[in-house]
C-alpha atoms as a PDB file:
ATOM      1  CA  UNK A   1      11.836 -19.384 -65.227  1.00  0.00           C
ATOM      2  CA  UNK A   2      14.404 -21.430 -63.271  1.00  0.00           C
ATOM      3  CA  UNK A   3      15.930 -20.043 -60.110  1.00  0.00           C
ATOM      4  CA  UNK A   4      19.702 -19.895 -60.741  1.00  0.00           C
ATOM      5  CA  UNK A   5      22.297 -20.433 -58.044  1.00  0.00           C
ATOM      6  CA  UNK A   6      24.031 -17.417 -56.572  1.00  0.00           C
ATOM      7  CA  UNK A   7      27.120 -17.729 -58.743  1.00  0.00           C
ATOM      8  CA  UNK A   8      27.159 -18.026 -62.528  1.00  0.00           C
ATOM      9  CA  UNK A   9      29.480 -20.845 -63.533  1.00  0.00           C
ATOM     10  CA  UNK A  10      29.946 -20.127 -67.246  1.00  0.00           C
ATOM     11  CA  UNK A  11      29.234 -16.720 -68.821  1.00  0.00           C
ATOM     12  CA  UNK A  12      27.787 -17.056 -72.306  1.00  0.00           C
ATOM     13  CA  UNK A  13      29.860 -14.263 -73.851  1.00  0.00           C
ATOM     14  CA  UNK A  14      29.492 -14.026 -77.618  1.00  0.00           C
ATOM     15  CA  UNK A  15      26.679 -16.298 -78.819  1.00  0.00           C
ATOM     16  CA  UNK A  16      25.737 -17.733 -82.209  1.00  0.00           C
ATOM     17  CA  UNK A  17      22.020 -18.423 -82.696  1.00  0.00           C
ATOM     18  CA  UNK A  18      20.388 -20.070 -85.707  1.00  0.00           C
ATOM     19  CA  UNK A  19      16.668 -20.066 -86.456  1.00  0.00           C
ATOM     20  CA  UNK A  20      15.811 -16.910 -84.512  1.00  0.00           C
ATOM     21  CA  UNK A  21      12.568 -16.333 -86.451  1.00  0.00           C
ATOM     22  CA  UNK A  22      11.074 -19.713 -85.492  1.00  0.00           C
ATOM     23  CA  UNK A  23       8.893 -20.240 -82.430  1.00  0.00           C
ATOM     24  CA  UNK A  24      11.693 -21.725 -80.304  1.00  0.00           C
ATOM     25  CA  UNK A  25      14.468 -19.586 -81.767  1.00  0.00           C
ATOM     26  CA  UNK A  26      12.567 -16.352 -81.151  1.00  0.00           C
ATOM     27  CA  UNK A  27      12.087 -17.324 -77.495  1.00  0.00           C
ATOM     28  CA  UNK A  28      15.784 -18.176 -77.197  1.00  0.00           C
ATOM     29  CA  UNK A  29      16.679 -14.821 -78.739  1.00  0.00           C
ATOM     30  CA  UNK A  30      14.536 -12.955 -76.199  1.00  0.00           C
ATOM     31  CA  UNK A  31      16.115 -14.648 -73.193  1.00  0.00           C
ATOM     32  CA  UNK A  32      19.611 -14.211 -74.607  1.00  0.00           C
ATOM     33  CA  UNK A  33      19.152 -10.478 -75.118  1.00  0.00           C
ATOM     34  CA  UNK A  34      17.997 -10.198 -71.484  1.00  0.00           C
ATOM     35  CA  UNK A  35      20.849 -12.331 -70.105  1.00  0.00           C
ATOM     36  CA  UNK A  36      23.547 -10.218 -68.444  1.00  0.00           C
ATOM     37  CA  UNK A  37      26.378 -12.662 -69.281  1.00  0.00           C
ATOM     38  CA  UNK A  38      25.671 -12.378 -73.031  1.00  0.00           C
ATOM     39  CA  UNK A  39      27.910  -9.820 -74.698  1.00  0.00           C
ATOM     40  CA  UNK A  40      26.631 -10.237 -78.275  1.00  0.00           C
ATOM     41  CA  UNK A  41      24.190 -12.460 -80.166  1.00  0.00           C
ATOM     42  CA  UNK A  42      25.059 -13.235 -83.782  1.00  0.00           C
ATOM     43  CA  UNK A  43      21.828 -14.433 -85.371  1.00  0.00           C
ATOM     44  CA  UNK A  44      22.119 -16.417 -88.622  1.00  0.00           C
ATOM     45  CA  UNK A  45      18.761 -16.937 -90.262  1.00  0.00           C
ATOM     46  CA  UNK A  46      17.024 -17.298 -93.568  1.00  0.00           C
ATOM     47  CA  UNK A  47      15.065 -14.203 -92.520  1.00  0.00           C
ATOM     48  CA  UNK A  48      16.087 -11.261 -90.357  1.00  0.00           C
ATOM     49  CA  UNK A  49      14.601 -11.253 -86.874  1.00  0.00           C
ATOM     50  CA  UNK A  50      13.363  -7.682 -87.235  1.00  0.00           C
ATOM     51  CA  UNK A  51      14.594  -6.853 -83.723  1.00  0.00           C
ATOM     52  CA  UNK A  52      16.704  -3.771 -83.056  1.00  0.00           C
ATOM     53  CA  UNK A  53      18.908  -4.332 -80.013  1.00  0.00           C
ATOM     54  CA  UNK A  54      22.459  -3.199 -79.166  1.00  0.00           C
ATOM     55  CA  UNK A  55      23.526  -6.785 -78.390  1.00  0.00           C
ATOM     56  CA  UNK A  56      22.164  -8.234 -81.654  1.00  0.00           C
ATOM     57  CA  UNK A  57      23.991  -8.714 -84.941  1.00  0.00           C
ATOM     58  CA  UNK A  58      21.267  -9.885 -87.307  1.00  0.00           C
ATOM     59  CA  UNK A  59      22.481 -11.671 -90.466  1.00  0.00           C
ATOM     60  CA  UNK A  60      20.349 -12.967 -93.309  1.00  0.00           C
ATOM     61  CA  UNK A  61      22.145 -16.160 -94.235  1.00  0.00           C
ATOM     62  CA  UNK A  62      21.433 -18.756 -96.925  1.00  0.00           C
ATOM     63  CA  UNK A  63      24.635 -20.847 -97.051  1.00  0.00           C
ATOM     64  CA  UNK A  64      23.859 -23.139 -94.130  1.00  0.00           C
ATOM     65  CA  UNK A  65      25.301 -26.185 -95.865  1.00  0.00           C
ATOM     66  CA  UNK A  66      28.697 -24.560 -96.499  1.00  0.00           C
ATOM     67  CA  UNK A  67      31.189 -24.900 -93.655  1.00  0.00           C
ATOM     68  CA  UNK A  68      33.556 -22.242 -94.960  1.00  0.00           C
ATOM     69  CA  UNK A  69      30.732 -19.690 -95.244  1.00  0.00           C
ATOM     70  CA  UNK A  70      29.819 -20.229 -91.577  1.00  0.00           C
ATOM     71  CA  UNK A  71      33.346 -19.995 -90.160  1.00  0.00           C
ATOM     72  CA  UNK A  72      33.739 -16.171 -90.270  1.00  0.00           C
ATOM     73  CA  UNK A  73      30.764 -15.807 -87.909  1.00  0.00           C
ATOM     74  CA  UNK A  74      32.354 -18.051 -85.264  1.00  0.00           C
ATOM     75  CA  UNK A  75      35.152 -15.662 -84.345  1.00  0.00           C
ATOM     76  CA  UNK A  76      35.090 -15.304 -80.555  1.00  0.00           C
ATOM     77  CA  UNK A  77      31.914 -17.367 -80.168  1.00  0.00           C
ATOM     78  CA  UNK A  78      31.567 -19.132 -76.790  1.00  0.00           C
ATOM     79  CA  UNK A  79      28.115 -20.685 -77.146  1.00  0.00           C
ATOM     80  CA  UNK A  80      25.974 -21.963 -80.030  1.00  0.00           C
ATOM     81  CA  UNK A  81      22.191 -22.372 -79.847  1.00  0.00           C
ATOM     82  CA  UNK A  82      21.136 -24.311 -82.939  1.00  0.00           C
ATOM     83  CA  UNK A  83      17.369 -23.802 -83.215  1.00  0.00           C
ATOM     84  CA  UNK A  84      17.065 -23.909 -86.996  1.00  0.00           C
ATOM     85  CA  UNK A  85      14.298 -26.394 -87.768  1.00  0.00           C
ATOM     86  CA  UNK A  86      11.271 -27.015 -89.955  1.00  0.00           C
ATOM     87  CA  UNK A  87       8.061 -29.018 -89.709  1.00  0.00           C
ATOM     88  CA  UNK A  88       8.313 -32.407 -91.405  1.00  0.00           C
ATOM     89  CA  UNK A  89       4.811 -31.989 -92.874  1.00  0.00           C
ATOM     90  CA  UNK A  90       5.869 -28.873 -94.784  1.00  0.00           C
ATOM     91  CA  UNK A  91       8.784 -30.308 -96.759  1.00  0.00           C
ATOM     92  CA  UNK A  92       9.875 -33.526 -98.435  1.00  0.00           C
ATOM     93  CA  UNK A  93      11.857 -36.106 -96.502  1.00  0.00           C
ATOM     94  CA  UNK A  94      14.994 -35.129 -98.448  1.00  0.00           C
ATOM     95  CA  UNK A  95      14.527 -31.447 -97.591  1.00  0.00           C
ATOM     96  CA  UNK A  96      13.831 -32.297 -93.946  1.00  0.00           C
ATOM     97  CA  UNK A  97      17.044 -34.315 -93.766  1.00  0.00           C
ATOM     98  CA  UNK A  98      19.024 -31.557 -95.464  1.00  0.00           C
ATOM     99  CA  UNK A  99      17.809 -28.906 -92.999  1.00  0.00           C
ATOM    100  CA  UNK A 100      18.007 -31.115 -89.914  1.00  0.00           C
ATOM    101  CA  UNK A 101      21.207 -33.094 -90.539  1.00  0.00           C
ATOM    102  CA  UNK A 102      23.230 -31.674 -93.413  1.00  0.00           C
ATOM    103  CA  UNK A 103      23.058 -28.059 -92.310  1.00  0.00           C
ATOM    104  CA  UNK A 104      23.973 -28.993 -88.762  1.00  0.00           C
ATOM    105  CA  UNK A 105      26.870 -31.143 -90.002  1.00  0.00           C
ATOM    106  CA  UNK A 106      28.282 -28.093 -91.772  1.00  0.00           C
ATOM    107  CA  UNK A 107      27.850 -25.986 -88.630  1.00  0.00           C
ATOM    108  CA  UNK A 108      29.553 -28.636 -86.482  1.00  0.00           C
ATOM    109  CA  UNK A 109      32.468 -28.848 -88.919  1.00  0.00           C
ATOM    110  CA  UNK A 110      32.829 -25.063 -88.804  1.00  0.00           C
ATOM    111  CA  UNK A 111      32.801 -25.127 -84.996  1.00  0.00           C
ATOM    112  CA  UNK A 112      35.399 -27.913 -84.871  1.00  0.00           C
ATOM    113  CA  UNK A 113      37.723 -25.907 -87.097  1.00  0.00           C
ATOM    114  CA  UNK A 114      37.150 -22.402 -85.732  1.00  0.00           C
ATOM    115  CA  UNK A 115      35.651 -22.699 -82.232  1.00  0.00           C
ATOM    116  CA  UNK A 116      36.204 -26.192 -80.754  1.00  0.00           C
ATOM    117  CA  UNK A 117      35.709 -24.929 -77.200  1.00  0.00           C
ATOM    118  CA  UNK A 118      32.106 -23.809 -77.715  1.00  0.00           C
ATOM    119  CA  UNK A 119      29.118 -25.050 -75.771  1.00  0.00           C
ATOM    120  CA  UNK A 120      26.648 -26.386 -78.372  1.00  0.00           C
ATOM    121  CA  UNK A 121      22.913 -26.572 -77.560  1.00  0.00           C
ATOM    122  CA  UNK A 122      20.713 -28.415 -80.066  1.00  0.00           C
ATOM    123  CA  UNK A 123      16.933 -28.090 -80.255  1.00  0.00           C
ATOM    124  CA  UNK A 124      15.792 -31.675 -80.847  1.00  0.00           C
ATOM    125  CA  UNK A 125      12.499 -33.470 -80.090  1.00  0.00           C
ATOM    126  CA  UNK A 126      10.971 -35.943 -77.660  1.00  0.00           C
ATOM    127  CA  UNK A 127      11.192 -39.427 -79.144  1.00  0.00           C
ATOM    128  CA  UNK A 128      14.458 -38.811 -80.994  1.00  0.00           C
ATOM    129  CA  UNK A 129      17.186 -41.362 -80.302  1.00  0.00           C
ATOM    130  CA  UNK A 130      20.880 -40.900 -80.863  1.00  0.00           C
ATOM    131  CA  UNK A 131      21.164 -44.570 -81.913  1.00  0.00           C
ATOM    132  CA  UNK A 132      19.094 -43.886 -85.030  1.00  0.00           C
ATOM    133  CA  UNK A 133      15.794 -45.286 -83.775  1.00  0.00           C
ATOM    134  CA  UNK A 134      12.499 -43.448 -83.565  1.00  0.00           C
ATOM    135  CA  UNK A 135       8.790 -43.861 -84.235  1.00  0.00           C
ATOM    136  CA  UNK A 136       8.706 -41.694 -87.375  1.00  0.00           C
ATOM    137  CA  UNK A 137      11.068 -40.681 -90.138  1.00  0.00           C
ATOM    138  CA  UNK A 138      11.263 -37.189 -88.601  1.00  0.00           C
ATOM    139  CA  UNK A 139      12.363 -38.556 -85.228  1.00  0.00           C
ATOM    140  CA  UNK A 140      14.876 -40.867 -86.891  1.00  0.00           C
ATOM    141  CA  UNK A 141      16.362 -37.860 -88.674  1.00  0.00           C
ATOM    142  CA  UNK A 142      16.371 -35.821 -85.450  1.00  0.00           C
ATOM    143  CA  UNK A 143      18.206 -38.737 -83.844  1.00  0.00           C
ATOM    144  CA  UNK A 144      20.727 -38.755 -86.666  1.00  0.00           C
ATOM    145  CA  UNK A 145      21.394 -35.064 -86.022  1.00  0.00           C
ATOM    146  CA  UNK A 146      21.986 -35.835 -82.347  1.00  0.00           C
ATOM    147  CA  UNK A 147      24.416 -38.628 -83.226  1.00  0.00           C
ATOM    148  CA  UNK A 148      26.416 -36.190 -85.382  1.00  0.00           C
ATOM    149  CA  UNK A 149      26.561 -33.753 -82.477  1.00  0.00           C
ATOM    150  CA  UNK A 150      27.737 -36.296 -79.926  1.00  0.00           C
ATOM    151  CA  UNK A 151      30.306 -37.751 -82.336  1.00  0.00           C
ATOM    152  CA  UNK A 152      31.857 -34.298 -82.810  1.00  0.00           C
ATOM    153  CA  UNK A 153      35.022 -33.093 -81.094  1.00  0.00           C
ATOM    154  CA  UNK A 154      33.293 -30.169 -79.375  1.00  0.00           C
ATOM    155  CA  UNK A 155      33.941 -29.866 -75.652  1.00  0.00           C
ATOM    156  CA  UNK A 156      30.371 -29.367 -74.369  1.00  0.00           C
ATOM    157  CA  UNK A 157      27.256 -30.507 -76.227  1.00  0.00           C
ATOM    158  CA  UNK A 158      23.625 -30.782 -75.181  1.00  0.00           C
ATOM    159  CA  UNK A 159      20.506 -32.013 -76.971  1.00  0.00           C
ATOM    160  CA  UNK A 160      17.098 -30.849 -75.740  1.00  0.00           C
ATOM    161  CA  UNK A 161      14.085 -33.097 -76.343  1.00  0.00           C
ATOM    162  CA  UNK A 162      10.892 -31.236 -75.438  1.00  0.00           C
ATOM    163  CA  UNK A 163       7.448 -32.811 -75.782  1.00  0.00           C
ATOM    164  CA  UNK A 164       4.649 -30.526 -76.938  1.00  0.00           C
ATOM    165  CA  UNK A 165       5.912 -26.938 -77.147  1.00  0.00           C
ATOM    166  CA  UNK A 166       3.216 -24.403 -76.312  1.00  0.00           C
ATOM    167  CA  UNK A 167       3.861 -21.045 -78.007  1.00  0.00           C
ATOM    168  CA  UNK A 168       4.654 -18.244 -75.575  1.00  0.00           C
ATOM    169  CA  UNK A 169       4.122 -15.570 -78.190  1.00  0.00           C
ATOM    170  CA  UNK A 170       0.955 -13.875 -79.436  1.00  0.00           C
ATOM    171  CA  UNK A 171      -2.003 -15.827 -80.807  1.00  0.00           C
ATOM    172  CA  UNK A 172      -1.065 -14.956 -84.381  1.00  0.00           C
ATOM    173  CA  UNK A 173       1.761 -17.501 -84.066  1.00  0.00           C
ATOM    174  CA  UNK A 174      -0.545 -20.314 -82.940  1.00  0.00           C
ATOM    175  CA  UNK A 175      -1.356 -23.313 -85.106  1.00  0.00           C
ATOM    176  CA  UNK A 176      -4.553 -25.343 -85.050  1.00  0.00           C
ATOM    177  CA  UNK A 177      -3.083 -27.992 -82.720  1.00  0.00           C
ATOM    178  CA  UNK A 178      -2.103 -25.327 -80.174  1.00  0.00           C
ATOM    179  CA  UNK A 179      -5.756 -24.509 -79.475  1.00  0.00           C
ATOM    180  CA  UNK A 180      -6.180 -28.118 -78.334  1.00  0.00           C
ATOM    181  CA  UNK A 181      -2.858 -28.880 -76.669  1.00  0.00           C
ATOM    182  CA  UNK A 182      -2.149 -25.603 -74.873  1.00  0.00           C
ATOM    183  CA  UNK A 183      -5.310 -25.845 -72.679  1.00  0.00           C
ATOM    184  CA  UNK A 184      -4.509 -29.559 -72.193  1.00  0.00           C
ATOM    185  CA  UNK A 185      -1.020 -28.671 -71.023  1.00  0.00           C
ATOM    186  CA  UNK A 186      -2.476 -26.511 -68.246  1.00  0.00           C
ATOM    187  CA  UNK A 187      -4.206 -29.647 -66.935  1.00  0.00           C
ATOM    188  CA  UNK A 188      -1.280 -31.991 -67.680  1.00  0.00           C
ATOM    189  CA  UNK A 189       1.946 -29.915 -67.539  1.00  0.00           C
ATOM    190  CA  UNK A 190       4.102 -33.010 -68.005  1.00  0.00           C
ATOM    191  CA  UNK A 191       3.210 -33.304 -71.714  1.00  0.00           C
ATOM    192  CA  UNK A 192       5.542 -30.473 -72.622  1.00  0.00           C
ATOM    193  CA  UNK A 193       6.906 -26.994 -71.997  1.00  0.00           C
ATOM    194  CA  UNK A 194       6.244 -23.520 -73.295  1.00  0.00           C
ATOM    195  CA  UNK A 195       8.668 -22.091 -75.830  1.00  0.00           C
ATOM    196  CA  UNK A 196       9.910 -19.622 -73.203  1.00  0.00           C
ATOM    197  CA  UNK A 197      10.443 -22.432 -70.684  1.00  0.00           C
ATOM    198  CA  UNK A 198      12.456 -24.367 -73.265  1.00  0.00           C
ATOM    199  CA  UNK A 199      14.539 -21.278 -74.005  1.00  0.00           C
ATOM    200  CA  UNK A 200      15.251 -20.705 -70.305  1.00  0.00           C
ATOM    201  CA  UNK A 201      16.136 -24.395 -69.880  1.00  0.00           C
ATOM    202  CA  UNK A 202      18.640 -24.173 -72.735  1.00  0.00           C
ATOM    203  CA  UNK A 203      20.201 -20.990 -71.371  1.00  0.00           C
ATOM    204  CA  UNK A 204      20.295 -22.308 -67.806  1.00  0.00           C
ATOM    205  CA  UNK A 205      21.987 -25.537 -68.925  1.00  0.00           C
ATOM    206  CA  UNK A 206      24.612 -23.701 -70.973  1.00  0.00           C
ATOM    207  CA  UNK A 207      25.504 -21.538 -67.982  1.00  0.00           C
ATOM    208  CA  UNK A 208      25.172 -23.858 -64.999  1.00  0.00           C
ATOM    209  CA  UNK A 209      25.307 -27.511 -66.074  1.00  0.00           C
ATOM    210  CA  UNK A 210      28.734 -28.941 -65.299  1.00  0.00           C
ATOM    211  CA  UNK A 211      28.353 -31.936 -67.622  1.00  0.00           C
ATOM    212  CA  UNK A 212      30.179 -32.018 -70.931  1.00  0.00           C
ATOM    213  CA  UNK A 213      27.599 -34.133 -72.772  1.00  0.00           C
ATOM    214  CA  UNK A 214      23.931 -34.632 -71.964  1.00  0.00           C
ATOM    215  CA  UNK A 215      20.497 -35.250 -73.420  1.00  0.00           C
ATOM    216  CA  UNK A 216      17.782 -33.364 -71.549  1.00  0.00           C
ATOM    217  CA  UNK A 217      14.420 -35.033 -71.858  1.00  0.00           C
ATOM    218  CA  UNK A 218      11.123 -33.265 -71.350  1.00  0.00           C
ATOM    219  CA  UNK A 219      10.905 -34.307 -67.669  1.00  0.00           C
ATOM    220  CA  UNK A 220      14.412 -33.168 -66.781  1.00  0.00           C
ATOM    221  CA  UNK A 221      13.809 -29.775 -68.356  1.00  0.00           C
ATOM    222  CA  UNK A 222      10.583 -29.425 -66.398  1.00  0.00           C
ATOM    223  CA  UNK A 223      12.413 -29.979 -63.083  1.00  0.00           C
ATOM    224  CA  UNK A 224      14.181 -26.659 -63.681  1.00  0.00           C
ATOM    225  CA  UNK A 225      10.802 -24.958 -63.219  1.00  0.00           C
ATOM    226  CA  UNK A 226       9.548 -27.010 -60.250  1.00  0.00           C
END
């Protein structure tokens, strides 16, 4: 966990989180609920998080592609953590693009209309490029999502590009690749971060980073834990 400076520069206040049941989103939810500057977390997800906490408003939400359906949940929101994602191997290219780009476009449009002053933190991926390049169709689509974010009128916007993400949760959440890469990461930490480290990096950036626009690559995120 990063060591914050003595003075918090930007309280998070009322937060909107998407994708709280995913590996990254669940880690972000945990750190948000433990963060003293968070007043409330509004979690929009295709499934409920299953967590009972006085700061959490847990909403099962299906209309991610509809801007007007999102807008009522942005009332008083100061910070958005967009962690809604899927694995490219699980869905078609069209579905992957819909979830990664189209749903975020609707969320951005809702923010521009109802909460233009929000800080927006996007969970992206190492190898994504905002210019539309990338070594795979998934990274190209991730890059397209980033380009939509940075072209928006929002005041503060950050994209986070972790390398391998080692699960911080119990072994039941592990996938086959984790049994290979997580031990490798102990020997070569630079290949990625844990899901909890990524969550803390996102929270730390939202609170303390004075930039208005930034892409945080794997290495820059890791310096927060040096």
